[in-house]
Amino acid sequence: MIRRYQPGDHPAIAEIFTRAIHEVACEVYTPAQCAAWSDKAPNLEHWRKRCERKRPYVYVRNGRVVGFLELDDDGHIDCMYVHPDAGRQGVASALIDVAIEKCIEAGLPRAFVEASLCARPVFEKKGFRVVKRQQVALGEERLINFQMELPVKADPG
């Protein structure tokens, strides 16, 4: 089930973010890059404040949050992370489907994202195309990601 953020979801979201970086992204980014991206311990207060502001979509399975996606009003997918234990089970794909649906409902021309090396393949499977490869500075580290977009149209029917 996918729903909007509810107060109390932030500890799970903080854990998902941290573990996704240090257990999944670490396969393609260096330890120094991952450390610049996220502390090893979840930052609960940061995520509580961020979730209250961004109200992400969360994927809940068996009563547990296993993924989340932040979608801005302009169609920007600010971030999307899946718990390492729920990887390759359709969670990211379902969250992206919701984001696309919300963009269509809002009459937006596109959905867009800065996808990591890890996330790029799932966005490509959903029809997103790379606009530009870029390097993003995080402290002293530089990480590769990809500006990607998907044109969307409102359903005429």
N, C-alpha and C. Protein backbone atom coordinates (compact mmCIF):
# COMPACT_ATOMS: atom_id res chain seq x y z
N MET A 1 0.85 -1.18 0.00
CA MET A 1 0.00 0.00 0.00
C MET A 1 0.90 1.24 0.00
N ILE A 2 0.51 2.22 -0.79
CA ILE A 2 1.22 3.49 -0.80
C ILE A 2 0.29 4.56 -0.26
N ARG A 3 0.81 5.33 0.66
CA ARG A 3 0.05 6.42 1.28
C ARG A 3 0.98 7.59 1.55
N ARG A 4 0.40 8.70 1.97
CA ARG A 4 1.20 9.86 2.36
C ARG A 4 1.81 9.63 3.74
N TYR A 5 2.86 10.34 3.99
CA TYR A 5 3.55 10.33 5.28
C TYR A 5 2.56 10.60 6.42
N GLN A 6 2.74 9.90 7.51
CA GLN A 6 1.99 10.14 8.74
C GLN A 6 3.00 10.37 9.86
N PRO A 7 2.67 11.25 10.82
CA PRO A 7 3.58 11.43 11.95
C PRO A 7 3.94 10.07 12.56
N GLY A 8 5.21 9.91 12.83
CA GLY A 8 5.69 8.65 13.36
C GLY A 8 6.35 7.76 12.31
N ASP A 9 6.22 8.11 11.02
CA ASP A 9 6.89 7.35 9.95
C ASP A 9 8.37 7.70 9.86
N HIS A 10 8.75 8.85 10.42
CA HIS A 10 10.11 9.35 10.18
C HIS A 10 11.23 8.43 10.68
N PRO A 11 11.09 7.68 11.79
CA PRO A 11 12.19 6.79 12.16
C PRO A 11 12.47 5.73 11.08
N ALA A 12 11.42 5.17 10.51
CA ALA A 12 11.59 4.18 9.45
C ALA A 12 12.21 4.83 8.21
N ILE A 13 11.78 6.04 7.88
CA ILE A 13 12.31 6.74 6.72
C ILE A 13 13.79 7.06 6.93
N ALA A 14 14.14 7.51 8.12
CA ALA A 14 15.55 7.80 8.43
C ALA A 14 16.40 6.55 8.30
N GLU A 15 15.88 5.43 8.79
CA GLU A 15 16.62 4.16 8.69
C GLU A 15 16.76 3.73 7.23
N ILE A 16 15.69 3.85 6.46
CA ILE A 16 15.74 3.46 5.04
C ILE A 16 16.80 4.28 4.32
N PHE A 17 16.79 5.60 4.51
CA PHE A 17 17.75 6.48 3.86
C PHE A 17 19.18 6.04 4.20
N THR A 18 19.46 5.88 5.48
CA THR A 18 20.81 5.56 5.93
C THR A 18 21.25 4.18 5.43
N ARG A 19 20.40 3.21 5.59
CA ARG A 19 20.78 1.85 5.19
C ARG A 19 20.89 1.72 3.67
N ALA A 20 20.03 2.40 2.93
CA ALA A 20 20.11 2.33 1.47
C ALA A 20 21.46 2.86 0.98
N ILE A 21 21.94 3.90 1.60
CA ILE A 21 23.23 4.46 1.18
C ILE A 21 24.38 3.55 1.60
N HIS A 22 24.37 3.11 2.84
CA HIS A 22 25.51 2.37 3.37
C HIS A 22 25.47 0.87 3.07
N GLU A 23 24.33 0.37 2.55
CA GLU A 23 24.25 -1.06 2.21
C GLU A 23 24.01 -1.32 0.72
N VAL A 24 23.50 -0.33 0.00
CA VAL A 24 23.22 -0.51 -1.43
C VAL A 24 24.09 0.41 -2.27
N ALA A 25 24.00 1.71 -2.03
CA ALA A 25 24.78 2.66 -2.82
C ALA A 25 26.28 2.43 -2.67
N CYS A 26 26.68 1.85 -1.56
CA CYS A 26 28.11 1.58 -1.32
C CYS A 26 28.69 0.62 -2.36
N GLU A 27 27.82 -0.06 -3.11
CA GLU A 27 28.30 -0.95 -4.15
C GLU A 27 28.83 -0.19 -5.36
N VAL A 28 28.39 1.07 -5.53
CA VAL A 28 28.83 1.85 -6.70
C VAL A 28 29.48 3.19 -6.33
N TYR A 29 29.35 3.59 -5.09
CA TYR A 29 30.00 4.80 -4.60
C TYR A 29 31.04 4.39 -3.56
N THR A 30 32.07 5.20 -3.40
CA THR A 30 33.15 4.88 -2.46
C THR A 30 32.67 5.08 -1.02
N PRO A 31 33.39 4.48 -0.05
CA PRO A 31 33.04 4.71 1.35
C PRO A 31 33.07 6.20 1.71
N ALA A 32 34.01 6.95 1.18
CA ALA A 32 34.08 8.39 1.47
C ALA A 32 32.87 9.12 0.88
N GLN A 33 32.45 8.73 -0.31
CA GLN A 33 31.27 9.35 -0.92
C GLN A 33 30.02 9.04 -0.10
N CYS A 34 29.88 7.81 0.33
CA CYS A 34 28.71 7.43 1.14
C CYS A 34 28.72 8.16 2.48
N ALA A 35 29.88 8.32 3.08
CA ALA A 35 29.99 9.05 4.36
C ALA A 35 29.63 10.52 4.19
N ALA A 36 29.95 11.10 3.04
CA ALA A 36 29.58 12.49 2.78
C ALA A 36 28.08 12.62 2.54
N TRP A 37 27.47 11.58 2.01
CA TRP A 37 26.05 11.55 1.67
C TRP A 37 25.20 11.37 2.92
N SER A 38 25.66 10.51 3.83
CA SER A 38 24.86 10.18 5.02
C SER A 38 25.75 9.73 6.16
N ASP A 39 25.39 10.17 7.37
CA ASP A 39 26.03 9.62 8.56
C ASP A 39 25.67 8.14 8.65
N LYS A 40 26.42 7.40 9.42
CA LYS A 40 26.13 5.96 9.61
C LYS A 40 24.88 5.74 10.47
N ALA A 41 24.60 6.69 11.36
CA ALA A 41 23.42 6.57 12.23
C ALA A 41 22.30 7.44 11.67
N PRO A 42 21.07 6.94 11.67
CA PRO A 42 19.94 7.75 11.18
C PRO A 42 19.77 9.03 12.01
N ASN A 43 19.51 10.12 11.32
CA ASN A 43 19.29 11.41 11.97
C ASN A 43 17.77 11.63 12.09
N LEU A 44 17.22 11.18 13.20
CA LEU A 44 15.76 11.19 13.37
C LEU A 44 15.17 12.59 13.34
N GLU A 45 15.79 13.53 14.01
CA GLU A 45 15.23 14.89 14.06
C GLU A 45 15.24 15.55 12.69
N HIS A 46 16.31 15.37 11.93
CA HIS A 46 16.36 15.90 10.56
C HIS A 46 15.21 15.33 9.73
N TRP A 47 15.02 14.02 9.81
CA TRP A 47 13.98 13.39 8.99
C TRP A 47 12.57 13.71 9.48
N ARG A 48 12.40 13.90 10.78
CA ARG A 48 11.08 14.32 11.28
C ARG A 48 10.71 15.66 10.67
N LYS A 49 11.62 16.62 10.73
CA LYS A 49 11.36 17.96 10.18
C LYS A 49 11.15 17.90 8.68
N ARG A 50 12.01 17.16 8.00
CA ARG A 50 11.91 17.08 6.54
C ARG A 50 10.59 16.43 6.12
N CYS A 51 10.22 15.35 6.79
CA CYS A 51 8.97 14.65 6.44
C CYS A 51 7.74 15.50 6.73
N GLU A 52 7.76 16.26 7.80
CA GLU A 52 6.64 17.16 8.10
C GLU A 52 6.48 18.19 6.99
N ARG A 53 7.60 18.64 6.44
CA ARG A 53 7.58 19.65 5.38
C ARG A 53 7.25 19.04 4.01
N LYS A 54 7.87 17.90 3.68
CA LYS A 54 7.77 17.33 2.33
C LYS A 54 6.61 16.34 2.17
N ARG A 55 6.17 15.75 3.27
CA ARG A 55 5.08 14.76 3.26
C ARG A 55 5.25 13.73 2.13
N PRO A 56 6.29 12.91 2.23
CA PRO A 56 6.56 11.94 1.17
C PRO A 56 5.47 10.87 1.06
N TYR A 57 5.49 10.20 -0.08
CA TYR A 57 4.69 9.00 -0.26
C TYR A 57 5.49 7.85 0.33
N VAL A 58 4.82 6.99 1.08
CA VAL A 58 5.49 5.85 1.69
C VAL A 58 4.85 4.55 1.23
N TYR A 59 5.68 3.58 1.02
CA TYR A 59 5.23 2.24 0.65
C TYR A 59 5.23 1.42 1.93
N VAL A 60 4.06 0.89 2.29
CA VAL A 60 3.91 0.12 3.52
C VAL A 60 3.60 -1.33 3.15
N ARG A 61 4.39 -2.23 3.72
CA ARG A 61 4.18 -3.67 3.50
C ARG A 61 4.15 -4.35 4.86
N ASN A 62 3.08 -5.08 5.12
CA ASN A 62 2.93 -5.77 6.41
C ASN A 62 3.09 -4.81 7.59
N GLY A 63 2.51 -3.63 7.44
CA GLY A 63 2.53 -2.64 8.52
C GLY A 63 3.84 -1.91 8.70
N ARG A 64 4.79 -2.13 7.80
CA ARG A 64 6.12 -1.54 7.92
C ARG A 64 6.45 -0.68 6.70
N VAL A 65 6.98 0.53 6.94
CA VAL A 65 7.41 1.39 5.84
C VAL A 65 8.68 0.78 5.25
N VAL A 66 8.65 0.49 3.93
CA VAL A 66 9.80 -0.13 3.27
C VAL A 66 10.38 0.73 2.14
N GLY A 67 9.74 1.87 1.88
CA GLY A 67 10.25 2.78 0.85
C GLY A 67 9.53 4.10 0.93
N PHE A 68 10.16 5.13 0.36
CA PHE A 68 9.52 6.44 0.33
C PHE A 68 10.00 7.25 -0.86
N LEU A 69 9.18 8.21 -1.25
CA LEU A 69 9.47 9.09 -2.38
C LEU A 69 8.93 10.47 -2.06
N GLU A 70 9.77 11.48 -2.25
CA GLU A 70 9.35 12.87 -2.09
C GLU A 70 9.06 13.45 -3.47
N LEU A 71 7.88 14.02 -3.62
CA LEU A 71 7.47 14.63 -4.88
C LEU A 71 7.10 16.08 -4.63
N ASP A 72 7.83 16.99 -5.27
CA ASP A 72 7.54 18.41 -5.15
C ASP A 72 6.39 18.80 -6.08
N ASP A 73 5.79 19.95 -5.82
CA ASP A 73 4.62 20.39 -6.60
C ASP A 73 4.92 20.60 -8.08
N ASP A 74 6.18 20.79 -8.44
CA ASP A 74 6.54 21.02 -9.84
C ASP A 74 6.90 19.74 -10.60
N GLY A 75 6.72 18.57 -9.95
CA GLY A 75 7.02 17.31 -10.61
C GLY A 75 8.42 16.78 -10.32
N HIS A 76 9.14 17.48 -9.46
CA HIS A 76 10.50 17.06 -9.11
C HIS A 76 10.45 15.95 -8.06
N ILE A 77 11.03 14.82 -8.37
CA ILE A 77 11.18 13.74 -7.39
C ILE A 77 12.46 14.06 -6.64
N ASP A 78 12.30 14.55 -5.42
CA ASP A 78 13.45 15.04 -4.66
C ASP A 78 14.30 13.89 -4.17
N CYS A 79 13.67 12.81 -3.74
CA CYS A 79 14.44 11.62 -3.39
C CYS A 79 13.51 10.42 -3.32
N MET A 80 14.13 9.26 -3.49
CA MET A 80 13.40 8.00 -3.40
C MET A 80 14.38 6.95 -2.87
N TYR A 81 13.99 6.27 -1.82
CA TYR A 81 14.84 5.24 -1.23
C TYR A 81 13.99 4.04 -0.84
N VAL A 82 14.60 2.87 -0.92
CA VAL A 82 13.94 1.62 -0.57
C VAL A 82 14.82 0.89 0.45
N HIS A 83 14.19 0.31 1.45
CA HIS A 83 14.91 -0.47 2.45
C HIS A 83 15.67 -1.60 1.75
N PRO A 84 16.93 -1.83 2.13
CA PRO A 84 17.69 -2.89 1.47
C PRO A 84 17.01 -4.26 1.48
N ASP A 85 16.24 -4.57 2.52
CA ASP A 85 15.54 -5.85 2.58
C ASP A 85 14.37 -5.95 1.60
N ALA A 86 13.95 -4.80 1.05
CA ALA A 86 12.81 -4.78 0.11
C ALA A 86 13.25 -4.45 -1.31
N GLY A 87 14.56 -4.45 -1.56
CA GLY A 87 15.07 -4.14 -2.89
C GLY A 87 14.65 -5.17 -3.92
N ARG A 88 14.48 -4.70 -5.13
CA ARG A 88 14.13 -5.55 -6.28
C ARG A 88 12.83 -6.33 -6.08
N GLN A 89 11.89 -5.66 -5.39
CA GLN A 89 10.58 -6.28 -5.16
C GLN A 89 9.44 -5.38 -5.66
N GLY A 90 9.76 -4.40 -6.50
CA GLY A 90 8.74 -3.55 -7.08
C GLY A 90 8.38 -2.32 -6.28
N VAL A 91 9.06 -2.08 -5.16
CA VAL A 91 8.73 -0.93 -4.31
C VAL A 91 9.04 0.37 -5.03
N ALA A 92 10.26 0.51 -5.55
CA ALA A 92 10.64 1.74 -6.25
C ALA A 92 9.75 1.97 -7.47
N SER A 93 9.49 0.92 -8.21
CA SER A 93 8.65 1.02 -9.40
C SER A 93 7.25 1.52 -9.04
N ALA A 94 6.67 0.99 -7.98
CA ALA A 94 5.33 1.42 -7.55
C ALA A 94 5.33 2.88 -7.09
N LEU A 95 6.38 3.28 -6.37
CA LEU A 95 6.47 4.67 -5.93
C LEU A 95 6.59 5.62 -7.12
N ILE A 96 7.38 5.25 -8.11
CA ILE A 96 7.52 6.08 -9.31
C ILE A 96 6.19 6.16 -10.04
N ASP A 97 5.46 5.05 -10.11
CA ASP A 97 4.13 5.08 -10.76
C ASP A 97 3.22 6.11 -10.09
N VAL A 98 3.24 6.15 -8.76
CA VAL A 98 2.41 7.13 -8.04
C VAL A 98 2.86 8.55 -8.39
N ALA A 99 4.16 8.79 -8.43
CA ALA A 99 4.67 10.12 -8.77
C ALA A 99 4.21 10.54 -10.16
N ILE A 100 4.30 9.63 -11.11
CA ILE A 100 3.86 9.94 -12.49
C ILE A 100 2.37 10.24 -12.50
N GLU A 101 1.60 9.43 -11.81
CA GLU A 101 0.14 9.63 -11.73
C GLU A 101 -0.19 11.00 -11.14
N LYS A 102 0.51 11.39 -10.08
CA LYS A 102 0.26 12.69 -9.45
C LYS A 102 0.64 13.84 -10.37
N CYS A 103 1.70 13.67 -11.15
CA CYS A 103 2.09 14.70 -12.12
C CYS A 103 1.03 14.87 -13.20
N ILE A 104 0.49 13.74 -13.66
CA ILE A 104 -0.57 13.79 -14.67
C ILE A 104 -1.81 14.46 -14.09
N GLU A 105 -2.21 14.07 -12.88
CA GLU A 105 -3.38 14.67 -12.24
C GLU A 105 -3.21 16.18 -12.06
N ALA A 106 -1.99 16.63 -11.81
CA ALA A 106 -1.73 18.06 -11.60
C ALA A 106 -1.56 18.82 -12.91
N GLY A 107 -1.59 18.10 -14.04
CA GLY A 107 -1.44 18.75 -15.34
C GLY A 107 -0.02 19.23 -15.61
N LEU A 108 0.95 18.61 -14.98
CA LEU A 108 2.34 19.01 -15.16
C LEU A 108 2.89 18.46 -16.48
N PRO A 109 3.83 19.15 -17.09
CA PRO A 109 4.39 18.67 -18.36
C PRO A 109 5.38 17.53 -18.21
N ARG A 110 5.97 17.38 -17.00
CA ARG A 110 7.00 16.37 -16.85
C ARG A 110 7.20 16.00 -15.38
N ALA A 111 7.79 14.84 -15.19
CA ALA A 111 8.34 14.43 -13.90
C ALA A 111 9.84 14.43 -14.09
N PHE A 112 10.60 14.85 -13.08
CA PHE A 112 12.05 14.89 -13.24
C PHE A 112 12.75 14.57 -11.93
N VAL A 113 14.01 14.15 -12.05
CA VAL A 113 14.75 13.63 -10.90
C VAL A 113 16.24 13.77 -11.16
N GLU A 114 17.01 13.81 -10.08
CA GLU A 114 18.46 13.65 -10.17
C GLU A 114 18.72 12.26 -9.60
N ALA A 115 18.90 11.29 -10.47
CA ALA A 115 18.99 9.88 -10.07
C ALA A 115 20.43 9.47 -9.83
N SER A 116 20.63 8.72 -8.76
CA SER A 116 21.94 8.16 -8.46
C SER A 116 22.28 7.07 -9.47
N LEU A 117 23.52 6.61 -9.41
CA LEU A 117 23.92 5.47 -10.23
C LEU A 117 23.03 4.26 -9.95
N CYS A 118 22.61 4.10 -8.70
CA CYS A 118 21.75 2.97 -8.30
C CYS A 118 20.32 3.12 -8.82
N ALA A 119 19.81 4.35 -8.77
CA ALA A 119 18.41 4.59 -9.12
C ALA A 119 18.18 4.74 -10.62
N ARG A 120 19.20 5.11 -11.36
CA ARG A 120 19.02 5.35 -12.79
C ARG A 120 18.31 4.20 -13.52
N PRO A 121 18.70 2.93 -13.31
CA PRO A 121 18.03 1.86 -14.07
C PRO A 121 16.52 1.77 -13.84
N VAL A 122 16.06 1.96 -12.62
CA VAL A 122 14.62 1.85 -12.38
C VAL A 122 13.87 3.02 -13.03
N PHE A 123 14.47 4.20 -13.02
CA PHE A 123 13.83 5.33 -13.70
C PHE A 123 13.82 5.11 -15.21
N GLU A 124 14.89 4.56 -15.76
CA GLU A 124 14.92 4.27 -17.20
C GLU A 124 13.84 3.26 -17.57
N LYS A 125 13.62 2.25 -16.72
CA LYS A 125 12.57 1.25 -16.99
C LYS A 125 11.19 1.90 -17.02
N LYS A 126 11.04 3.02 -16.31
CA LYS A 126 9.76 3.73 -16.28
C LYS A 126 9.65 4.77 -17.40
N GLY A 127 10.66 4.83 -18.27
CA GLY A 127 10.59 5.74 -19.42
C GLY A 127 11.34 7.05 -19.25
N PHE A 128 11.94 7.27 -18.10
CA PHE A 128 12.74 8.49 -17.91
C PHE A 128 13.98 8.40 -18.79
N ARG A 129 14.39 9.56 -19.31
CA ARG A 129 15.59 9.64 -20.14
C ARG A 129 16.59 10.57 -19.49
N VAL A 130 17.86 10.24 -19.66
CA VAL A 130 18.93 11.09 -19.12
C VAL A 130 19.00 12.38 -19.92
N VAL A 131 18.94 13.49 -19.21
CA VAL A 131 19.12 14.82 -19.80
C VAL A 131 20.60 15.20 -19.71
N LYS A 132 21.19 14.88 -18.56
CA LYS A 132 22.58 15.27 -18.34
C LYS A 132 23.20 14.43 -17.23
N ARG A 133 24.43 14.01 -17.44
CA ARG A 133 25.24 13.38 -16.39
C ARG A 133 25.93 14.53 -15.66
N GLN A 134 25.97 14.43 -14.34
CA GLN A 134 26.59 15.52 -13.59
C GLN A 134 27.33 14.99 -12.38
N GLN A 135 28.20 15.85 -11.83
CA GLN A 135 28.88 15.57 -10.59
C GLN A 135 28.39 16.57 -9.56
N VAL A 136 28.00 16.05 -8.41
CA VAL A 136 27.46 16.88 -7.34
C VAL A 136 28.45 16.88 -6.19
N ALA A 137 28.75 18.06 -5.66
CA ALA A 137 29.68 18.17 -4.53
C ALA A 137 28.93 17.96 -3.23
N LEU A 138 29.46 17.07 -2.40
CA LEU A 138 28.99 16.88 -1.03
C LEU A 138 30.22 16.99 -0.15
N GLY A 139 30.40 18.14 0.45
CA GLY A 139 31.62 18.38 1.20
C GLY A 139 32.81 18.30 0.26
N GLU A 140 33.77 17.48 0.61
CA GLU A 140 34.98 17.31 -0.21
C GLU A 140 34.79 16.28 -1.32
N GLU A 141 33.68 15.57 -1.29
CA GLU A 141 33.44 14.49 -2.25
C GLU A 141 32.58 14.96 -3.42
N ARG A 142 32.74 14.28 -4.54
CA ARG A 142 31.92 14.53 -5.72
C ARG A 142 31.25 13.22 -6.11
N LEU A 143 29.92 13.27 -6.29
CA LEU A 143 29.16 12.08 -6.65
C LEU A 143 28.54 12.26 -8.03
N ILE A 144 28.55 11.20 -8.80
CA ILE A 144 27.91 11.22 -10.11
C ILE A 144 26.42 10.94 -9.93
N ASN A 145 25.60 11.74 -10.61
CA ASN A 145 24.18 11.42 -10.74
C ASN A 145 23.70 11.89 -12.09
N PHE A 146 22.43 11.71 -12.36
CA PHE A 146 21.89 11.97 -13.69
C PHE A 146 20.61 12.78 -13.60
N GLN A 147 20.58 13.92 -14.29
CA GLN A 147 19.32 14.63 -14.43
C GLN A 147 18.50 13.82 -15.43
N MET A 148 17.30 13.43 -15.01
CA MET A 148 16.43 12.62 -15.86
C MET A 148 15.03 13.23 -15.87
N GLU A 149 14.31 12.99 -16.96
CA GLU A 149 12.94 13.48 -17.01
C GLU A 149 12.08 12.55 -17.84
N LEU A 150 10.77 12.67 -17.57
CA LEU A 150 9.75 11.93 -18.29
C LEU A 150 8.63 12.90 -18.64
N PRO A 151 8.40 13.16 -19.92
CA PRO A 151 7.24 13.99 -20.27
C PRO A 151 5.96 13.26 -19.90
N VAL A 152 5.01 13.97 -19.32
CA VAL A 152 3.73 13.37 -18.96
C VAL A 152 2.61 14.22 -19.55
N LYS A 153 1.51 13.58 -19.81
CA LYS A 153 0.33 14.27 -20.34
C LYS A 153 -0.89 13.83 -19.57
N ALA A 154 -1.80 14.74 -19.40
CA ALA A 154 -3.06 14.40 -18.77
C ALA A 154 -3.82 13.43 -19.67
N ASP A 155 -4.50 12.49 -19.06
CA ASP A 155 -5.31 11.52 -19.80
C ASP A 155 -6.53 12.23 -20.36
N PRO A 156 -6.71 12.24 -21.70
CA PRO A 156 -7.86 12.97 -22.28
C PRO A 156 -9.20 12.32 -21.97
N GLY A 157 -9.17 11.07 -21.53
CA GLY A 157 -10.42 10.38 -21.29
C GLY A 157 -10.85 10.55 -19.91
